[in-house]
């Protein structure tokens, strides 16, 4: 698992590459959760390089979404590949967290 961080117009972009499962969820959770004291944290999770995600990944996304909303911010997901998107759709997370085809669209929304 590779986690890359960048900022675009004040929005954190967290790019995930590889497989998100129980073995890799700690480093991803750290990256996705809003930094302490950040007012209105806005984050785009770029999942275009994610090839697999299990329930631990779903739980991380839900926790990061809740943390962002509680801090008056938001979390959006971008570039989800079909196998990962299918998992998200099966559990209904795509109705909770806005999912966009590209990072650009997630930033513009």
C-alpha atoms as a PDB file:
ATOM      1  CA  UNK A   1       0.000   0.000   0.000  1.00  0.00           C
ATOM      2  CA  UNK A   2       1.257   3.418  -0.961  1.00  0.00           C
ATOM      3  CA  UNK A   3      -0.314   6.580   0.420  1.00  0.00           C
ATOM      4  CA  UNK A   4       0.471   9.919  -1.241  1.00  0.00           C
ATOM      5  CA  UNK A   5      -0.612  13.284   0.097  1.00  0.00           C
ATOM      6  CA  UNK A   6      -1.014  16.564  -1.738  1.00  0.00           C
ATOM      7  CA  UNK A   7      -3.075  19.729  -1.462  1.00  0.00           C
ATOM      8  CA  UNK A   8      -5.053  21.377  -4.259  1.00  0.00           C
ATOM      9  CA  UNK A   9      -6.679  24.746  -3.527  1.00  0.00           C
ATOM     10  CA  UNK A  10      -6.793  23.961   0.197  1.00  0.00           C
ATOM     11  CA  UNK A  11      -8.272  20.489  -0.308  1.00  0.00           C
ATOM     12  CA  UNK A  12      -6.248  17.501   0.877  1.00  0.00           C
ATOM     13  CA  UNK A  13      -5.920  14.807  -1.799  1.00  0.00           C
ATOM     14  CA  UNK A  14      -5.004  11.388  -0.446  1.00  0.00           C
ATOM     15  CA  UNK A  15      -4.050   8.950  -3.225  1.00  0.00           C
ATOM     16  CA  UNK A  16      -4.140   5.257  -2.377  1.00  0.00           C
ATOM     17  CA  UNK A  17      -2.304   2.626  -4.435  1.00  0.00           C
ATOM     18  CA  UNK A  18      -2.456  -1.119  -3.822  1.00  0.00           C
ATOM     19  CA  UNK A  19      -4.742  -3.147  -1.564  1.00  0.00           C
ATOM     20  CA  UNK A  20      -6.629  -1.753   1.411  1.00  0.00           C
ATOM     21  CA  UNK A  21      -7.230  -4.477   3.967  1.00  0.00           C
ATOM     22  CA  UNK A  22      -6.646  -5.240   7.643  1.00  0.00           C
ATOM     23  CA  UNK A  23      -2.878  -5.336   7.130  1.00  0.00           C
ATOM     24  CA  UNK A  24      -2.699  -1.841   5.609  1.00  0.00           C
ATOM     25  CA  UNK A  25      -5.578   0.026   7.232  1.00  0.00           C
ATOM     26  CA  UNK A  26      -3.562   1.784   9.962  1.00  0.00           C
ATOM     27  CA  UNK A  27      -1.507   3.978   7.633  1.00  0.00           C
ATOM     28  CA  UNK A  28      -4.573   4.761   5.511  1.00  0.00           C
ATOM     29  CA  UNK A  29      -6.712   5.702   8.504  1.00  0.00           C
ATOM     30  CA  UNK A  30      -4.024   8.095   9.676  1.00  0.00           C
ATOM     31  CA  UNK A  31      -3.945   9.772   6.268  1.00  0.00           C
ATOM     32  CA  UNK A  32      -7.714  10.004   5.736  1.00  0.00           C
ATOM     33  CA  UNK A  33      -8.715  11.384   9.116  1.00  0.00           C
ATOM     34  CA  UNK A  34      -8.752  15.180   9.302  1.00  0.00           C
ATOM     35  CA  UNK A  35      -5.772  16.753  11.056  1.00  0.00           C
ATOM     36  CA  UNK A  36      -6.519  17.852  14.615  1.00  0.00           C
ATOM     37  CA  UNK A  37      -7.637  21.455  14.791  1.00  0.00           C
ATOM     38  CA  UNK A  38      -8.247  21.800  11.065  1.00  0.00           C
ATOM     39  CA  UNK A  39     -11.394  23.905  10.664  1.00  0.00           C
ATOM     40  CA  UNK A  40     -13.644  22.646   7.847  1.00  0.00           C
ATOM     41  CA  UNK A  41     -11.339  19.861   6.635  1.00  0.00           C
ATOM     42  CA  UNK A  42     -11.930  18.934   3.021  1.00  0.00           C
ATOM     43  CA  UNK A  43     -10.495  15.712   1.652  1.00  0.00           C
ATOM     44  CA  UNK A  44     -10.629  13.836  -1.627  1.00  0.00           C
ATOM     45  CA  UNK A  45      -9.673  10.162  -1.419  1.00  0.00           C
ATOM     46  CA  UNK A  46      -8.226   9.243  -4.814  1.00  0.00           C
ATOM     47  CA  UNK A  47      -8.901   5.517  -5.120  1.00  0.00           C
ATOM     48  CA  UNK A  48      -7.879   5.208  -8.774  1.00  0.00           C
ATOM     49  CA  UNK A  49      -4.889   3.067  -7.812  1.00  0.00           C
ATOM     50  CA  UNK A  50      -6.736   0.911  -5.307  1.00  0.00           C
ATOM     51  CA  UNK A  51      -7.130  -2.631  -6.592  1.00  0.00           C
ATOM     52  CA  UNK A  52      -8.833  -4.227  -3.588  1.00  0.00           C
ATOM     53  CA  UNK A  53     -10.712  -3.106  -0.483  1.00  0.00           C
ATOM     54  CA  UNK A  54     -12.261  -5.200   2.252  1.00  0.00           C
ATOM     55  CA  UNK A  55     -14.557  -4.258   5.135  1.00  0.00           C
ATOM     56  CA  UNK A  56     -11.726  -2.599   7.053  1.00  0.00           C
ATOM     57  CA  UNK A  57     -11.409  -0.105   4.197  1.00  0.00           C
ATOM     58  CA  UNK A  58     -15.149   0.550   4.237  1.00  0.00           C
ATOM     59  CA  UNK A  59     -14.951   1.201   7.974  1.00  0.00           C
ATOM     60  CA  UNK A  60     -12.047   3.620   7.471  1.00  0.00           C
ATOM     61  CA  UNK A  61     -13.967   5.606   4.863  1.00  0.00           C
ATOM     62  CA  UNK A  62     -17.038   5.824   7.102  1.00  0.00           C
ATOM     63  CA  UNK A  63     -14.939   6.934  10.091  1.00  0.00           C
ATOM     64  CA  UNK A  64     -13.106   9.559   7.993  1.00  0.00           C
ATOM     65  CA  UNK A  65     -16.424  10.817   6.596  1.00  0.00           C
ATOM     66  CA  UNK A  66     -17.919  11.146  10.083  1.00  0.00           C
ATOM     67  CA  UNK A  67     -14.818  12.911  11.412  1.00  0.00           C
ATOM     68  CA  UNK A  68     -14.856  15.383   8.519  1.00  0.00           C
ATOM     69  CA  UNK A  69     -18.571  16.134   8.911  1.00  0.00           C
ATOM     70  CA  UNK A  70     -18.197  16.604  12.679  1.00  0.00           C
ATOM     71  CA  UNK A  71     -15.457  19.162  11.944  1.00  0.00           C
ATOM     72  CA  UNK A  72     -17.756  20.957   9.447  1.00  0.00           C
ATOM     73  CA  UNK A  73     -15.867  19.581   6.443  1.00  0.00           C
ATOM     74  CA  UNK A  74     -16.318  16.798   3.918  1.00  0.00           C
ATOM     75  CA  UNK A  75     -14.819  13.685   2.368  1.00  0.00           C
ATOM     76  CA  UNK A  76     -15.262  12.740  -1.282  1.00  0.00           C
ATOM     77  CA  UNK A  77     -14.076   9.666  -3.150  1.00  0.00           C
ATOM     78  CA  UNK A  78     -12.685   9.823  -6.688  1.00  0.00           C
ATOM     79  CA  UNK A  79     -11.558   7.446  -9.416  1.00  0.00           C
ATOM     80  CA  UNK A  80     -12.843   4.257  -7.862  1.00  0.00           C
ATOM     81  CA  UNK A  81     -12.097   1.203 -10.002  1.00  0.00           C
ATOM     82  CA  UNK A  82     -14.994  -1.212 -10.756  1.00  0.00           C
ATOM     83  CA  UNK A  83     -14.060  -3.980  -8.262  1.00  0.00           C
ATOM     84  CA  UNK A  84     -13.700  -1.490  -5.389  1.00  0.00           C
ATOM     85  CA  UNK A  85     -16.763   0.494  -6.462  1.00  0.00           C
ATOM     86  CA  UNK A  86     -18.781  -2.718  -6.453  1.00  0.00           C
ATOM     87  CA  UNK A  87     -17.863  -3.336  -2.805  1.00  0.00           C
ATOM     88  CA  UNK A  88     -18.813   0.248  -1.948  1.00  0.00           C
ATOM     89  CA  UNK A  89     -22.143  -0.111  -3.723  1.00  0.00           C
ATOM     90  CA  UNK A  90     -22.925  -3.436  -2.033  1.00  0.00           C
ATOM     91  CA  UNK A  91     -22.716  -1.842   1.401  1.00  0.00           C
ATOM     92  CA  UNK A  92     -24.253   1.471   0.295  1.00  0.00           C
ATOM     93  CA  UNK A  93     -21.302   3.691   1.128  1.00  0.00           C
ATOM     94  CA  UNK A  94     -21.636   5.353  -2.287  1.00  0.00           C
ATOM     95  CA  UNK A  95     -24.902   6.912  -1.021  1.00  0.00           C
ATOM     96  CA  UNK A  96     -23.191   8.238   2.126  1.00  0.00           C
ATOM     97  CA  UNK A  97     -19.966   9.590   0.648  1.00  0.00           C
ATOM     98  CA  UNK A  98     -20.031  11.447  -2.682  1.00  0.00           C
ATOM     99  CA  UNK A  99     -18.202   9.425  -5.347  1.00  0.00           C
ATOM    100  CA  UNK A 100     -16.897  11.126  -8.486  1.00  0.00           C
ATOM    101  CA  UNK A 101     -15.204   9.633 -11.560  1.00  0.00           C
ATOM    102  CA  UNK A 102     -12.112  11.855 -11.274  1.00  0.00           C
ATOM    103  CA  UNK A 103     -10.216  13.872  -8.685  1.00  0.00           C
ATOM    104  CA  UNK A 104     -10.880  16.976 -10.749  1.00  0.00           C
ATOM    105  CA  UNK A 105     -14.642  16.452 -10.542  1.00  0.00           C
ATOM    106  CA  UNK A 106     -14.415  15.788  -6.807  1.00  0.00           C
ATOM    107  CA  UNK A 107     -12.515  19.044  -6.315  1.00  0.00           C
ATOM    108  CA  UNK A 108     -14.990  21.051  -8.410  1.00  0.00           C
ATOM    109  CA  UNK A 109     -18.143  19.675  -6.806  1.00  0.00           C
END
